[in-house]
Amino acid sequence: MKYSTYKSIYESVYTKTSETRTIYVKEQFLQRLKTPTWLLKIVTITLIIIIGCSAVFTVFAGDEQLLSGDQIVVSQGDTLWGISLAHKPQQMDTRVYVEAIKKVNKLENNAIQIGEVLVLPGFDR
């Protein structure tokens, strides 16, 4: 029997080494692409710069100046959430105002005590 095994019927397409195969695939890809490599490099660098700049602008876009505003004395049953709902600007998210109160008053968590004086933040745009 001449063709008794799978391997003998279907010989390997690649008889080259792994490294040579990689070079062959790369050459085939570049041939099909027919785009100069310098153009690919410029496009890649431009995309990296655009993505980097957009990340930097996003970080600084929401940076508002916190100003000290009114003061409030914490009474029984008050929470940061309740104080935020009562005193935040209308268009502002309550969570953001809670974090601003914590930042202005240098609070590490949401715990507040009766009789504690909290400074309410004002925002300057």
Protein backbone atom coordinates (compact mmCIF):
# COMPACT_ATOMS: atom_id res chain seq x y z
CA MET A 1 0.00 0.00 0.00
CA LYS A 2 1.55 3.22 -1.15
CA TYR A 3 -0.51 5.80 0.83
CA SER A 4 -1.19 4.16 4.14
CA THR A 5 -0.98 7.12 6.51
CA TYR A 6 -2.58 10.53 6.71
CA LYS A 7 0.80 12.20 6.71
CA SER A 8 1.96 10.49 3.53
CA ILE A 9 -1.15 11.54 1.58
CA TYR A 10 -1.20 15.15 2.77
CA GLU A 11 2.29 16.48 2.96
CA SER A 12 2.90 19.56 5.06
CA VAL A 13 2.45 22.87 3.27
CA TYR A 14 5.25 24.35 5.35
CA THR A 15 8.50 22.48 5.19
CA LYS A 16 10.38 25.49 6.50
CA THR A 17 11.36 26.26 10.05
CA SER A 18 9.12 28.21 12.39
CA GLU A 19 11.14 31.41 12.00
CA THR A 20 11.04 31.22 8.23
CA ARG A 21 7.29 30.58 8.37
CA THR A 22 6.81 33.77 10.41
CA ILE A 23 8.77 35.80 7.89
CA TYR A 24 6.76 34.25 5.06
CA VAL A 25 3.44 35.13 6.72
CA LYS A 26 4.62 38.68 7.40
CA GLU A 27 5.70 39.12 3.79
CA GLN A 28 2.38 37.80 2.52
CA PHE A 29 0.50 40.16 4.83
CA LEU A 30 2.49 43.19 3.70
CA GLN A 31 2.10 42.19 0.05
CA ARG A 32 -1.69 42.00 0.41
CA LEU A 33 -1.80 45.21 2.38
CA LYS A 34 0.29 47.11 -0.19
CA THR A 35 0.56 50.04 2.20
CA PRO A 36 3.95 51.59 2.84
CA THR A 37 5.27 50.75 6.28
CA TRP A 38 6.05 54.41 7.01
CA LEU A 39 2.35 55.22 6.59
CA LEU A 40 1.40 52.48 9.05
CA LYS A 41 3.91 53.86 11.54
CA ILE A 42 2.54 57.41 11.21
CA VAL A 43 -1.05 56.22 11.66
CA THR A 44 -0.09 54.18 14.73
CA ILE A 45 1.80 57.06 16.34
CA THR A 46 -1.07 59.46 15.59
CA LEU A 47 -3.59 57.13 17.22
CA ILE A 48 -1.39 56.74 20.30
CA ILE A 49 -1.07 60.53 20.62
CA ILE A 50 -4.83 61.08 20.19
CA ILE A 51 -5.70 58.43 22.78
CA GLY A 52 -3.12 59.81 25.21
CA CYS A 53 -4.32 63.39 24.83
CA SER A 54 -7.98 62.43 25.23
CA ALA A 55 -7.13 60.64 28.48
CA VAL A 56 -5.30 63.71 29.80
CA PHE A 57 -8.13 66.07 28.81
CA THR A 58 -10.69 63.79 30.44
CA VAL A 59 -8.78 63.86 33.72
CA PHE A 60 -8.67 67.66 33.80
CA ALA A 61 -12.11 68.33 32.31
CA GLY A 62 -14.02 67.74 35.55
CA ASP A 63 -11.58 69.64 37.75
CA GLU A 64 -13.72 72.30 39.37
CA GLN A 65 -12.43 74.72 41.96
CA LEU A 66 -13.86 73.93 45.40
CA LEU A 67 -14.65 76.98 47.47
CA SER A 68 -15.59 77.11 51.12
CA GLY A 69 -19.24 77.98 51.46
CA ASP A 70 -21.77 77.99 54.27
CA GLN A 71 -21.41 75.98 57.45
CA ILE A 72 -23.93 73.58 58.89
CA VAL A 73 -24.16 71.96 62.32
CA VAL A 74 -25.00 68.26 62.18
CA SER A 75 -28.16 67.43 64.09
CA GLN A 76 -29.65 64.07 65.05
CA GLY A 77 -30.63 61.96 62.03
CA ASP A 78 -28.51 63.93 59.55
CA THR A 79 -26.49 62.02 56.99
CA LEU A 80 -24.10 63.23 54.32
CA TRP A 81 -26.59 62.10 51.72
CA GLY A 82 -29.44 64.07 53.29
CA ILE A 83 -27.29 67.18 53.70
CA SER A 84 -26.18 66.85 50.07
CA LEU A 85 -29.75 66.58 48.82
CA ALA A 86 -30.71 69.73 50.70
CA HIS A 87 -27.72 71.91 49.76
CA LYS A 88 -26.28 70.74 46.43
CA PRO A 89 -26.62 72.72 43.20
CA GLN A 90 -29.64 71.59 41.20
CA GLN A 91 -27.75 70.16 38.22
CA MET A 92 -25.14 68.32 40.32
CA ASP A 93 -25.23 64.62 41.10
CA THR A 94 -25.73 63.94 44.82
CA ARG A 95 -22.82 61.48 44.93
CA VAL A 96 -20.45 64.15 43.62
CA TYR A 97 -21.61 66.64 46.26
CA VAL A 98 -21.17 64.04 49.03
CA GLU A 99 -17.58 63.50 47.90
CA ALA A 100 -17.04 67.28 47.77
CA ILE A 101 -18.28 67.65 51.37
CA LYS A 102 -15.90 64.87 52.42
CA LYS A 103 -13.01 66.54 50.58
CA VAL A 104 -13.62 70.04 52.00
CA ASN A 105 -14.01 68.72 55.54
CA LYS A 106 -11.17 66.18 55.19
CA LEU A 107 -13.44 63.26 56.10
CA GLU A 108 -12.13 59.79 55.39
CA ASN A 109 -15.54 58.08 55.52
CA ASN A 110 -19.25 58.93 55.66
CA ALA A 111 -19.44 58.97 59.47
CA ILE A 112 -20.51 62.32 60.98
CA GLN A 113 -21.31 63.19 64.60
CA ILE A 114 -24.12 65.25 66.15
CA GLY A 115 -22.85 68.77 66.79
CA GLU A 116 -20.09 68.53 64.21
CA VAL A 117 -19.71 71.64 62.04
CA LEU A 118 -19.42 70.87 58.35
CA VAL A 119 -18.34 73.35 55.69
CA LEU A 120 -20.51 73.08 52.59
CA PRO A 121 -18.54 73.38 49.37
CA GLY A 122 -19.31 75.96 46.73
CA PHE A 123 -18.26 75.47 43.14
CA ASP A 124 -16.59 77.99 40.86
CA ARG A 125 -16.53 77.20 37.16
